[in-house]
Amino acid sequence: MLEPPGVEDGAAVWRIARDSRALDLNSSYSYLLWFRDFAATSVVARGAGGDPVAFTTGYVRPERPDTLVVWQIAVDESRRGQGLAGAMLDHLVVRLRPRGVRHLETTVTPMNTASDRLFTVFARRQGATLRREVLFDGGLFPDVHDPEVLYRIGPLP
């Protein structure tokens, strides 16, 4: 089942993010706050017992209200390879279409081939254009960090 998250999902989502070994882990507090303030632009996938097994966090850009920014997306290791990540993206696009969302943005590091594949296939499935450009060069970060490449997908149908 795909649905907006609640603050009660924050701890489970934090664990999924931590265990992904691919995401920059935010504080556990940030997931609670995110699900309080941005539940309408985020989604959790629930397993048979009702617990989150995957999540996507997103927000609508204030300067571009037609653009959903996907902040993080992760699937529990036991549920990978079942199409949940793509299903969550499709779900969000359908849910946010009445709000005027016609573009999706995210950033992907060059070594993250799984995310590159996910968003490339998503754009193709949507029949939308995918443009890539470096958004944040690695030198902007205070620690060692790969560049963040902006993926802009749209217009969405």
Protein backbone atom coordinates (compact mmCIF):
# COMPACT_ATOMS: atom_id res chain seq x y z
CA MET A 1 0.00 0.00 0.00
CA LEU A 2 1.32 3.45 -0.97
CA GLU A 3 0.20 6.43 1.10
CA PRO A 4 1.36 9.67 2.70
CA PRO A 5 3.54 9.07 5.78
CA GLY A 6 2.74 10.05 9.34
CA VAL A 7 5.13 11.14 12.06
CA GLU A 8 4.77 7.64 13.54
CA ASP A 9 6.65 6.35 10.45
CA GLY A 10 9.73 8.46 11.16
CA ALA A 11 11.69 5.88 13.15
CA ALA A 12 11.14 3.07 10.62
CA VAL A 13 12.06 5.35 7.72
CA TRP A 14 15.21 6.51 9.51
CA ARG A 15 16.24 2.84 9.88
CA ILE A 16 15.57 2.18 6.16
CA ALA A 17 17.70 5.21 5.25
CA ARG A 18 20.48 4.14 7.64
CA ASP A 19 20.50 0.58 6.34
CA SER A 20 20.52 1.66 2.69
CA ARG A 21 24.22 2.50 2.89
CA ALA A 22 23.65 4.80 -0.10
CA LEU A 23 21.84 7.81 1.36
CA ASP A 24 23.22 10.66 3.38
CA LEU A 25 21.60 9.86 6.72
CA ASN A 26 19.59 12.70 8.22
CA SER A 27 18.90 12.90 11.94
CA SER A 28 15.98 10.86 13.23
CA TYR A 29 14.37 14.16 14.24
CA SER A 30 14.44 15.39 10.64
CA TYR A 31 12.26 12.48 9.46
CA LEU A 32 9.67 13.27 12.13
CA LEU A 33 9.67 16.91 11.13
CA TRP A 34 9.59 16.04 7.42
CA PHE A 35 6.53 13.85 7.86
CA ARG A 36 4.80 16.53 9.88
CA ASP A 37 5.42 19.25 7.29
CA PHE A 38 5.83 17.45 3.96
CA ALA A 39 3.64 14.34 4.21
CA ALA A 40 1.56 15.52 1.25
CA THR A 41 4.62 15.42 -1.01
CA SER A 42 6.12 12.22 0.39
CA VAL A 43 5.07 8.57 0.34
CA VAL A 44 5.65 5.34 2.24
CA ALA A 45 5.13 1.83 0.96
CA ARG A 46 3.77 -0.47 3.64
CA GLY A 47 4.38 -4.18 3.96
CA ALA A 48 1.77 -6.77 4.89
CA GLY A 49 2.05 -5.87 8.59
CA GLY A 50 1.57 -2.17 7.92
CA ASP A 51 5.14 -1.10 8.63
CA PRO A 52 7.04 1.04 6.10
CA VAL A 53 9.26 -0.96 3.74
CA ALA A 54 10.14 1.93 1.43
CA PHE A 55 9.81 5.70 1.34
CA THR A 56 10.22 8.78 -0.78
CA THR A 57 10.60 12.24 0.70
CA GLY A 58 9.87 15.26 -1.44
CA TYR A 59 8.75 18.86 -1.44
CA VAL A 60 7.41 21.38 -3.92
CA ARG A 61 9.95 24.10 -4.74
CA PRO A 62 8.71 27.48 -3.47
CA GLU A 63 10.16 29.28 -6.52
CA ARG A 64 8.76 26.68 -8.92
CA PRO A 65 5.41 25.40 -7.65
CA ASP A 66 5.18 23.09 -10.68
CA THR A 67 8.27 21.16 -9.52
CA LEU A 68 8.50 18.29 -7.04
CA VAL A 69 11.96 17.83 -5.58
CA VAL A 70 12.63 14.24 -4.52
CA TRP A 71 14.94 14.48 -1.52
CA GLN A 72 15.43 10.80 -0.68
CA ILE A 73 14.12 7.48 -1.90
CA ALA A 74 14.96 4.11 -0.37
CA VAL A 75 13.65 0.57 -0.27
CA ASP A 76 14.32 -1.92 2.51
CA GLU A 77 16.88 -4.47 1.35
CA SER A 78 14.35 -7.32 1.65
CA ARG A 79 12.00 -5.58 -0.81
CA ARG A 80 14.44 -4.38 -3.48
CA GLY A 81 13.96 -5.46 -7.07
CA GLN A 82 10.15 -5.41 -6.84
CA GLY A 83 9.58 -2.05 -8.51
CA LEU A 84 8.67 -0.18 -5.32
CA ALA A 85 10.87 2.85 -6.02
CA GLY A 86 9.34 3.41 -9.44
CA ALA A 87 5.84 2.79 -8.09
CA MET A 88 6.36 5.45 -5.41
CA LEU A 89 7.48 8.00 -8.00
CA ASP A 90 4.50 7.20 -10.23
CA HIS A 91 2.18 7.47 -7.22
CA LEU A 92 3.52 10.90 -6.24
CA VAL A 93 3.21 12.25 -9.78
CA VAL A 94 -0.43 11.16 -9.99
CA ARG A 95 -1.20 12.46 -6.50
CA LEU A 96 0.42 15.86 -7.13
CA ARG A 97 -0.85 16.42 -10.67
CA PRO A 98 -3.99 18.26 -9.40
CA ARG A 99 -1.66 20.66 -7.55
CA GLY A 100 0.00 21.59 -10.86
CA VAL A 101 3.20 19.56 -10.51
CA ARG A 102 4.61 19.00 -14.01
CA HIS A 103 8.33 18.52 -13.32
CA LEU A 104 10.42 16.38 -11.00
CA GLU A 105 13.91 17.27 -9.79
CA THR A 106 16.38 15.24 -7.80
CA THR A 107 20.13 15.04 -7.41
CA VAL A 108 22.24 11.95 -7.97
CA THR A 109 25.94 11.45 -7.37
CA PRO A 110 27.86 10.12 -10.39
CA MET A 111 28.61 6.76 -8.74
CA ASN A 112 24.96 6.05 -7.83
CA THR A 113 24.07 3.87 -10.81
CA ALA A 114 20.89 2.53 -9.19
CA SER A 115 19.40 6.03 -8.82
CA ASP A 116 20.55 7.01 -12.30
CA ARG A 117 18.76 3.97 -13.70
CA LEU A 118 15.62 4.61 -11.59
CA PHE A 119 15.18 8.20 -12.77
CA THR A 120 16.18 7.46 -16.37
CA VAL A 121 13.56 4.70 -16.58
CA PHE A 122 11.01 6.90 -14.80
CA ALA A 123 11.49 9.70 -17.36
CA ARG A 124 11.16 7.23 -20.22
CA ARG A 125 8.03 5.67 -18.70
CA GLN A 126 6.50 9.13 -18.31
CA GLY A 127 7.45 10.14 -21.85
CA ALA A 128 9.30 13.12 -20.38
CA THR A 129 12.63 14.76 -21.13
CA LEU A 130 15.50 14.19 -18.68
CA ARG A 131 18.17 16.87 -18.41
CA ARG A 132 21.29 16.54 -16.26
CA GLU A 133 23.69 19.21 -15.01
CA VAL A 134 25.99 19.55 -12.02
CA LEU A 135 24.07 21.41 -9.31
CA PHE A 136 26.64 21.32 -6.51
CA ASP A 137 30.28 20.68 -7.23
CA GLY A 138 32.03 18.51 -4.66
CA GLY A 139 34.20 21.46 -3.60
CA LEU A 140 31.18 23.28 -2.16
CA PHE A 141 30.77 20.72 0.62
CA PRO A 142 32.68 21.12 3.90
CA ASP A 143 33.58 17.42 3.84
CA VAL A 144 34.62 15.04 1.08
CA HIS A 145 31.58 14.70 -1.17
CA ASP A 146 30.95 13.73 -4.76
CA PRO A 147 29.24 16.30 -6.97
CA GLU A 148 25.45 16.32 -6.92
CA VAL A 149 24.04 16.15 -10.44
CA LEU A 150 20.61 17.72 -10.92
CA TYR A 151 18.13 15.57 -12.83
CA ARG A 152 15.22 17.64 -14.16
CA ILE A 153 12.41 15.56 -15.64
CA GLY A 154 9.47 17.02 -17.46
CA PRO A 155 7.09 18.09 -18.50
CA LEU A 156 5.18 15.20 -16.97
CA PRO A 157 1.91 14.11 -18.55
